[in-house]
Amino acid sequence: MGSKSEFFEPGRTYVLADALLAPEIRTVFECVAVAPHRQHGDLRAFGFAGRLGNPDRWSSVAFQEAQWSKGWADAGPTPVRSAEPEPEGSEDQDPEGVPAAHAGTAPIRRGTLVRYHGSVTDQHGLYRSEPCVCQRCAGEPDGPRYVLRDRATNDVAVRCVRRKSVSLAL
C-alpha cells in the first residue's frame, strides 16, 4: 500500500477498507482529479468507482472530504489505460522523477490548488499557491516561484517553490 495522505490524490487508486466485506467485492476508487467546490470550497475527488470482483461495472463519481474518513486504503498508482499500450519507459521524467506531462510550465494563478512534489519530501501534499515576492525570487530566470499555503490554516508551508515542483490538482 502507498503512503498516508490527507485526501484522495489524482492518479492513485483506493480501496474501501470495509472489514465486513470480502476483499473481492470491496469498492475501488480511481481518482482522476481533485478540485474545490465552486460555492463551498471543500474538496471533491472525481473519478471512477467499481467493485474489485466486477471490473466491468464502473461509475463516474465525486467524493466529498467527509467520505475520505470512511477508511480508504491507498492501493498505489492507477494503471494507465488507453486504446494502445504505451511502450515501457516512454514517459519522460524530470530530475525529481515527476512525469513531464505533470510538471507544467504555465504560471499558476493565486489561490490555485496544487500538489507539491518537490525536494522537501515531508511537505508533499495539496496546497493553495500564490506568487513568491521575496528578494531571492524576484527576477528568477526559471520563471516565477511560489509560496504554498496550508488549505486549512492558510499558514505558509513551503516558500520559493519552482514551477516544476508543483502540479495542478484539478
Protein backbone atom coordinates (compact mmCIF):
# COMPACT_ATOMS: atom_id res chain seq x y z
CA MET A 1 0.00 0.00 0.00
CA GLY A 2 1.09 3.60 -0.64
CA SER A 3 1.80 6.45 1.71
CA LYS A 4 -0.65 8.10 4.10
CA SER A 5 -2.31 11.25 2.76
CA GLU A 6 -4.97 13.74 3.88
CA PHE A 7 -7.32 13.25 0.92
CA PHE A 8 -7.65 11.38 -2.35
CA GLU A 9 -4.85 12.15 -4.81
CA PRO A 10 -5.15 12.23 -8.61
CA GLY A 11 -3.51 9.27 -10.31
CA ARG A 12 -3.93 6.97 -7.29
CA THR A 13 -6.28 4.05 -6.66
CA TYR A 14 -8.01 3.47 -3.31
CA VAL A 15 -9.84 0.51 -1.80
CA LEU A 16 -12.55 0.97 0.82
CA ALA A 17 -11.22 -1.00 3.79
CA ASP A 18 -14.55 -2.46 4.95
CA ALA A 19 -13.70 -5.36 7.27
CA LEU A 20 -17.20 -6.86 6.81
CA LEU A 21 -16.82 -7.33 3.05
CA ALA A 22 -14.83 -9.99 1.25
CA PRO A 23 -11.77 -8.43 -0.45
CA GLU A 24 -13.02 -9.28 -3.94
CA ILE A 25 -16.22 -7.21 -3.54
CA ARG A 26 -14.77 -4.11 -1.88
CA THR A 27 -15.27 -0.73 -3.50
CA VAL A 28 -12.37 0.61 -5.58
CA PHE A 29 -11.93 4.28 -6.49
CA GLU A 30 -9.58 5.57 -9.19
CA CYS A 31 -9.03 9.29 -8.55
CA VAL A 32 -8.71 11.34 -11.73
CA ALA A 33 -8.86 14.89 -10.32
CA VAL A 34 -9.31 16.90 -7.13
CA ALA A 35 -10.88 20.36 -7.11
CA PRO A 36 -12.54 22.72 -4.62
CA HIS A 37 -16.31 23.06 -4.85
CA ARG A 38 -17.22 26.36 -6.57
CA GLN A 39 -19.55 27.52 -3.75
CA HIS A 40 -18.35 25.80 -0.60
CA GLY A 41 -14.62 25.50 -1.21
CA ASP A 42 -14.46 21.99 0.23
CA LEU A 43 -12.58 19.44 -1.86
CA ARG A 44 -14.15 16.97 -4.28
CA ALA A 45 -12.37 13.94 -5.70
CA PHE A 46 -13.54 12.98 -9.18
CA GLY A 47 -13.00 9.58 -10.72
CA PHE A 48 -14.38 6.13 -11.26
CA ALA A 49 -15.65 3.62 -8.69
CA GLY A 50 -16.41 -0.07 -9.00
CA ARG A 51 -16.00 -3.42 -7.28
CA LEU A 52 -12.80 -5.46 -7.24
CA GLY A 53 -14.72 -8.60 -8.19
CA ASN A 54 -16.66 -6.95 -11.04
CA PRO A 55 -14.34 -4.88 -13.26
CA ASP A 56 -16.99 -4.39 -15.97
CA ARG A 57 -19.30 -2.19 -13.85
CA TRP A 58 -17.76 1.19 -13.10
CA SER A 59 -19.45 4.54 -12.42
CA SER A 60 -18.33 8.16 -12.54
CA VAL A 61 -18.31 9.58 -9.00
CA ALA A 62 -17.40 12.67 -6.98
CA PHE A 63 -16.45 12.10 -3.33
CA GLN A 64 -16.53 14.82 -0.67
CA GLU A 65 -13.98 15.29 2.10
CA ALA A 66 -16.31 13.57 4.62
CA GLN A 67 -16.13 10.36 2.59
CA TRP A 68 -12.35 10.22 2.98
CA SER A 69 -12.78 9.32 6.66
CA LYS A 70 -14.64 6.10 5.82
CA GLY A 71 -11.36 4.18 5.71
CA TRP A 72 -9.89 4.26 2.22
CA ALA A 73 -6.55 2.49 1.77
CA ASP A 74 -4.13 3.71 -0.89
CA ALA A 75 -3.55 0.85 -3.35
CA GLY A 76 -0.92 2.67 -5.39
CA PRO A 77 -0.79 4.41 -8.76
CA THR A 78 -3.78 4.00 -11.07
CA PRO A 79 -2.81 1.81 -14.02
CA VAL A 80 -2.55 3.67 -17.32
CA ARG A 81 -5.45 2.78 -19.59
CA SER A 82 -5.50 3.71 -23.24
CA ALA A 83 -6.54 2.28 -26.58
CA GLU A 84 -2.95 1.24 -27.27
CA PRO A 85 -0.48 0.20 -24.58
CA GLU A 86 2.33 2.68 -24.01
CA PRO A 87 5.83 1.26 -24.53
CA GLU A 88 7.85 0.64 -21.37
CA GLY A 89 9.79 3.69 -20.16
CA SER A 90 8.37 6.00 -22.83
CA GLU A 91 7.27 8.71 -20.41
CA ASP A 92 9.87 11.48 -20.00
CA GLN A 93 10.66 12.46 -16.43
CA ASP A 94 12.28 15.49 -14.89
CA PRO A 95 15.19 15.12 -12.41
CA GLU A 96 12.76 14.86 -9.48
CA GLY A 97 11.05 11.84 -11.05
CA VAL A 98 7.82 13.65 -11.91
CA PRO A 99 6.42 12.78 -15.36
CA ALA A 100 7.00 15.68 -17.75
CA ALA A 101 3.29 15.83 -18.56
CA HIS A 102 2.64 16.77 -14.92
CA ALA A 103 5.46 19.25 -14.49
CA GLY A 104 3.66 22.15 -16.25
CA THR A 105 5.30 25.36 -17.23
CA ALA A 106 2.42 27.84 -17.39
CA PRO A 107 2.24 30.28 -14.46
CA ILE A 108 -0.24 29.42 -11.71
CA ARG A 109 -2.85 31.91 -10.52
CA ARG A 110 -3.11 32.97 -6.87
CA GLY A 111 -5.27 30.60 -4.82
CA THR A 112 -4.98 27.66 -7.22
CA LEU A 113 -4.98 24.22 -5.59
CA VAL A 114 -1.67 22.49 -6.36
CA ARG A 115 0.11 19.28 -5.41
CA TYR A 116 3.68 19.82 -4.20
CA HIS A 117 6.15 17.08 -5.22
CA GLY A 118 9.44 18.94 -4.82
CA SER A 119 12.61 18.28 -2.86
CA VAL A 120 11.14 18.92 0.62
CA THR A 121 9.56 15.46 0.74
CA ASP A 122 7.99 15.80 4.19
CA GLN A 123 5.85 18.64 2.77
CA HIS A 124 4.42 16.74 -0.23
CA GLY A 125 0.66 17.28 -0.49
CA LEU A 126 -2.11 19.68 -1.50
CA TYR A 127 -1.75 23.45 -1.01
CA ARG A 128 -3.10 26.79 -2.17
CA SER A 129 -0.46 28.66 -4.19
CA GLU A 130 0.46 32.30 -4.59
CA PRO A 131 3.39 34.03 -6.30
CA CYS A 132 6.51 34.38 -4.16
CA VAL A 133 7.61 38.02 -3.98
CA CYS A 134 10.73 37.67 -1.82
CA GLN A 135 14.06 39.24 -2.86
CA ARG A 136 15.51 35.85 -3.79
CA CYS A 137 12.71 35.02 -6.23
CA ALA A 138 12.41 38.46 -7.88
CA GLY A 139 13.57 38.19 -11.50
CA GLU A 140 14.22 34.45 -11.27
CA PRO A 141 15.42 33.23 -14.72
CA ASP A 142 13.46 29.94 -14.40
CA GLY A 143 10.19 31.86 -14.18
CA PRO A 144 8.02 32.68 -11.19
CA ARG A 145 8.29 30.83 -7.90
CA TYR A 146 5.51 30.21 -5.42
CA VAL A 147 4.54 30.24 -1.77
CA LEU A 148 2.39 27.27 -0.76
CA ARG A 149 -0.17 27.76 2.00
CA ASP A 150 -1.91 25.15 4.13
CA ARG A 151 -5.51 24.79 2.94
CA ALA A 152 -7.00 24.74 6.44
CA THR A 153 -4.92 27.32 8.33
CA ASN A 154 -3.58 29.45 5.46
CA ASP A 155 -0.13 29.24 7.11
CA VAL A 156 2.90 29.22 4.80
CA ALA A 157 4.15 25.64 4.42
CA VAL A 158 6.81 25.98 1.69
CA ARG A 159 8.46 29.07 0.16
CA CYS A 160 10.33 29.79 -3.09
CA VAL A 161 8.88 26.75 -4.88
CA ARG A 162 9.83 26.21 -8.54
CA ARG A 163 7.02 25.69 -11.05
CA LYS A 164 8.32 22.21 -11.91
CA SER A 165 7.84 21.18 -8.25
CA VAL A 166 4.04 21.60 -8.35
CA SER A 167 1.23 20.16 -10.46
CA LEU A 168 -2.29 21.47 -10.76
CA ALA A 169 -4.55 19.39 -8.51
CA LEU A 170 -7.52 19.83 -10.84
